[in-house]
Amino acid sequence: MSEPVLQRRDDDRSGSAERAVTVFFTFLLFFAGLALFAVAFSVADAAKAWVFFGGIAAVSLAFAIPTTIVPALEDR
């Protein structure tokens, strides 16, 4: 019989301050990315691409932090 891919951890950190800070900054990055998308079409022509790219980067980090970065740091 094979082992499950995802195993339950012994220590449950769902209510920790670390988790709250991670969630706060993740939502902050996500909403900042959405704001950058909205602003990207009303800035100077030279800055449109950079502001839009900043929105893409912010939303990407908002999804990468809780799914890959924090679990990798917790397993150290």
N, C-alpha and C. Protein backbone atom coordinates (compact mmCIF):
# COMPACT_ATOMS: atom_id res chain seq x y z
N MET A 1 0.84 -1.16 0.00
CA MET A 1 0.00 0.00 0.00
C MET A 1 0.89 1.24 0.00
N SER A 2 0.53 2.22 -0.77
CA SER A 2 1.38 3.40 -0.90
C SER A 2 1.05 4.44 0.16
N GLU A 3 2.02 5.29 0.42
CA GLU A 3 1.86 6.38 1.38
C GLU A 3 1.07 7.51 0.73
N PRO A 4 0.26 8.23 1.49
CA PRO A 4 -0.44 9.39 0.92
C PRO A 4 0.54 10.51 0.59
N VAL A 5 0.22 11.27 -0.42
CA VAL A 5 1.11 12.34 -0.85
C VAL A 5 1.15 13.45 0.20
N LEU A 6 0.00 13.83 0.70
CA LEU A 6 -0.08 14.85 1.74
C LEU A 6 -0.33 14.18 3.08
N GLN A 7 0.54 14.45 4.03
CA GLN A 7 0.37 13.87 5.35
C GLN A 7 0.02 14.97 6.34
N ARG A 8 -0.78 14.63 7.31
CA ARG A 8 -1.18 15.58 8.33
C ARG A 8 -0.02 15.84 9.28
N ARG A 9 0.17 17.11 9.61
CA ARG A 9 1.25 17.47 10.52
C ARG A 9 0.82 17.23 11.96
N ASP A 10 1.82 16.96 12.80
CA ASP A 10 1.52 16.74 14.21
C ASP A 10 1.15 18.04 14.92
N ASP A 11 1.83 19.13 14.57
CA ASP A 11 1.53 20.41 15.22
C ASP A 11 0.60 21.24 14.33
N ASP A 12 -0.51 21.63 14.88
CA ASP A 12 -1.50 22.42 14.14
C ASP A 12 -1.24 23.90 14.40
N ARG A 13 -0.86 24.64 13.37
CA ARG A 13 -0.53 26.05 13.52
C ARG A 13 -1.60 26.96 12.93
N SER A 14 -2.82 26.50 12.84
CA SER A 14 -3.85 27.28 12.18
C SER A 14 -4.21 28.55 12.95
N GLY A 15 -3.98 28.60 14.24
CA GLY A 15 -4.33 29.78 15.02
C GLY A 15 -3.14 30.60 15.45
N SER A 16 -1.99 30.37 14.87
CA SER A 16 -0.79 31.05 15.33
C SER A 16 -0.69 32.47 14.75
N ALA A 17 0.12 33.28 15.39
CA ALA A 17 0.35 34.65 14.91
C ALA A 17 1.07 34.63 13.57
N GLU A 18 1.91 33.66 13.37
CA GLU A 18 2.63 33.53 12.10
C GLU A 18 1.66 33.35 10.94
N ARG A 19 0.64 32.53 11.14
CA ARG A 19 -0.35 32.29 10.10
C ARG A 19 -1.17 33.55 9.84
N ALA A 20 -1.49 34.30 10.89
CA ALA A 20 -2.26 35.54 10.73
C ALA A 20 -1.48 36.58 9.93
N VAL A 21 -0.20 36.71 10.21
CA VAL A 21 0.63 37.67 9.47
C VAL A 21 0.75 37.25 8.02
N THR A 22 0.91 35.96 7.77
CA THR A 22 1.00 35.46 6.40
C THR A 22 -0.28 35.75 5.63
N VAL A 23 -1.42 35.50 6.24
CA VAL A 23 -2.70 35.75 5.58
C VAL A 23 -2.90 37.23 5.32
N PHE A 24 -2.54 38.07 6.29
CA PHE A 24 -2.69 39.52 6.12
C PHE A 24 -1.87 40.03 4.94
N PHE A 25 -0.60 39.66 4.88
CA PHE A 25 0.25 40.15 3.79
C PHE A 25 -0.12 39.53 2.45
N THR A 26 -0.66 38.33 2.46
CA THR A 26 -1.13 37.72 1.22
C THR A 26 -2.31 38.49 0.66
N PHE A 27 -3.28 38.82 1.50
CA PHE A 27 -4.42 39.62 1.04
C PHE A 27 -3.98 41.03 0.63
N LEU A 28 -3.04 41.59 1.36
CA LEU A 28 -2.53 42.92 1.03
C LEU A 28 -1.88 42.91 -0.36
N LEU A 29 -1.06 41.91 -0.64
CA LEU A 29 -0.44 41.80 -1.96
C LEU A 29 -1.47 41.58 -3.05
N PHE A 30 -2.48 40.77 -2.78
CA PHE A 30 -3.50 40.50 -3.78
C PHE A 30 -4.27 41.77 -4.14
N PHE A 31 -4.70 42.52 -3.13
CA PHE A 31 -5.45 43.74 -3.40
C PHE A 31 -4.56 44.83 -3.99
N ALA A 32 -3.29 44.86 -3.63
CA ALA A 32 -2.36 45.80 -4.26
C ALA A 32 -2.19 45.47 -5.74
N GLY A 33 -2.14 44.18 -6.06
CA GLY A 33 -2.05 43.78 -7.46
C GLY A 33 -3.28 44.18 -8.25
N LEU A 34 -4.46 44.00 -7.65
CA LEU A 34 -5.68 44.44 -8.33
C LEU A 34 -5.70 45.95 -8.52
N ALA A 35 -5.22 46.68 -7.53
CA ALA A 35 -5.16 48.15 -7.65
C ALA A 35 -4.18 48.55 -8.75
N LEU A 36 -3.07 47.85 -8.85
CA LEU A 36 -2.11 48.17 -9.91
C LEU A 36 -2.70 47.87 -11.29
N PHE A 37 -3.48 46.80 -11.41
CA PHE A 37 -4.15 46.53 -12.68
C PHE A 37 -5.10 47.66 -13.04
N ALA A 38 -5.82 48.17 -12.07
CA ALA A 38 -6.79 49.24 -12.32
C ALA A 38 -6.08 50.55 -12.69
N VAL A 39 -4.97 50.82 -12.05
CA VAL A 39 -4.24 52.08 -12.29
C VAL A 39 -3.43 52.02 -13.57
N ALA A 40 -3.11 50.84 -14.03
CA ALA A 40 -2.20 50.68 -15.17
C ALA A 40 -2.70 51.36 -16.44
N PHE A 41 -3.99 51.51 -16.58
CA PHE A 41 -4.51 52.10 -17.81
C PHE A 41 -4.70 53.60 -17.73
N SER A 42 -4.39 54.20 -16.58
CA SER A 42 -4.54 55.65 -16.46
C SER A 42 -3.23 56.35 -16.12
N VAL A 43 -2.11 55.69 -16.28
CA VAL A 43 -0.81 56.32 -16.05
C VAL A 43 -0.19 56.70 -17.39
N ALA A 44 0.97 57.31 -17.34
CA ALA A 44 1.66 57.72 -18.57
C ALA A 44 1.97 56.50 -19.43
N ASP A 45 2.08 56.74 -20.73
CA ASP A 45 2.30 55.63 -21.67
C ASP A 45 3.58 54.85 -21.37
N ALA A 46 4.61 55.54 -20.93
CA ALA A 46 5.88 54.86 -20.67
C ALA A 46 5.79 53.94 -19.45
N ALA A 47 4.88 54.20 -18.54
CA ALA A 47 4.80 53.43 -17.30
C ALA A 47 3.72 52.35 -17.33
N LYS A 48 2.88 52.31 -18.35
CA LYS A 48 1.77 51.34 -18.37
C LYS A 48 2.24 49.90 -18.25
N ALA A 49 3.23 49.55 -19.03
CA ALA A 49 3.71 48.16 -19.01
C ALA A 49 4.32 47.80 -17.67
N TRP A 50 5.06 48.74 -17.06
CA TRP A 50 5.70 48.45 -15.79
C TRP A 50 4.70 48.33 -14.65
N VAL A 51 3.68 49.17 -14.66
CA VAL A 51 2.65 49.09 -13.62
C VAL A 51 1.85 47.80 -13.77
N PHE A 52 1.53 47.44 -15.00
CA PHE A 52 0.81 46.19 -15.24
C PHE A 52 1.65 44.99 -14.82
N PHE A 53 2.95 45.03 -15.14
CA PHE A 53 3.85 43.96 -14.70
C PHE A 53 3.93 43.90 -13.18
N GLY A 54 3.91 45.05 -12.51
CA GLY A 54 3.89 45.06 -11.05
C GLY A 54 2.64 44.41 -10.50
N GLY A 55 1.50 44.61 -11.16
CA GLY A 55 0.27 43.94 -10.76
C GLY A 55 0.36 42.44 -10.92
N ILE A 56 0.94 42.00 -12.02
CA ILE A 56 1.12 40.56 -12.24
C ILE A 56 2.04 39.98 -11.17
N ALA A 57 3.13 40.67 -10.86
CA ALA A 57 4.07 40.19 -9.86
C ALA A 57 3.43 40.13 -8.47
N ALA A 58 2.63 41.15 -8.13
CA ALA A 58 1.99 41.18 -6.81
C ALA A 58 0.98 40.05 -6.65
N VAL A 59 0.16 39.82 -7.67
CA VAL A 59 -0.83 38.74 -7.59
C VAL A 59 -0.13 37.38 -7.58
N SER A 60 0.95 37.24 -8.36
CA SER A 60 1.70 35.99 -8.36
C SER A 60 2.30 35.70 -6.99
N LEU A 61 2.87 36.72 -6.35
CA LEU A 61 3.41 36.52 -5.01
C LEU A 61 2.32 36.23 -3.99
N ALA A 62 1.15 36.83 -4.19
CA ALA A 62 0.05 36.59 -3.27
C ALA A 62 -0.37 35.12 -3.28
N PHE A 63 -0.25 34.47 -4.42
CA PHE A 63 -0.57 33.05 -4.49
C PHE A 63 0.63 32.17 -4.14
N ALA A 64 1.84 32.65 -4.39
CA ALA A 64 3.03 31.84 -4.13
C ALA A 64 3.40 31.77 -2.66
N ILE A 65 3.15 32.84 -1.92
CA ILE A 65 3.56 32.87 -0.51
C ILE A 65 2.89 31.75 0.30
N PRO A 66 1.55 31.63 0.29
CA PRO A 66 0.96 30.58 1.15
C PRO A 66 1.07 29.18 0.59
N THR A 67 1.29 29.05 -0.72
CA THR A 67 1.29 27.71 -1.29
C THR A 67 2.68 27.09 -1.41
N THR A 68 3.71 27.90 -1.59
CA THR A 68 5.04 27.32 -1.78
C THR A 68 6.10 27.87 -0.85
N ILE A 69 6.13 29.17 -0.62
CA ILE A 69 7.22 29.77 0.12
C ILE A 69 7.13 29.45 1.61
N VAL A 70 5.99 29.70 2.23
CA VAL A 70 5.85 29.45 3.67
C VAL A 70 5.98 27.96 4.01
N PRO A 71 5.35 27.04 3.27
CA PRO A 71 5.56 25.62 3.61
C PRO A 71 7.02 25.18 3.45
N ALA A 72 7.73 25.76 2.49
CA ALA A 72 9.14 25.40 2.34
C ALA A 72 9.95 25.91 3.52
N LEU A 73 9.62 27.07 4.03
CA LEU A 73 10.35 27.61 5.20
C LEU A 73 9.99 26.85 6.47
N GLU A 74 8.77 26.35 6.58
CA GLU A 74 8.36 25.61 7.76
C GLU A 74 9.02 24.25 7.84
N ASP A 75 9.41 23.67 6.71
CA ASP A 75 10.00 22.35 6.69
C ASP A 75 11.51 22.38 6.97
N ARG A 76 12.07 23.53 7.17
CA ARG A 76 13.53 23.63 7.43
C ARG A 76 13.90 22.92 8.68
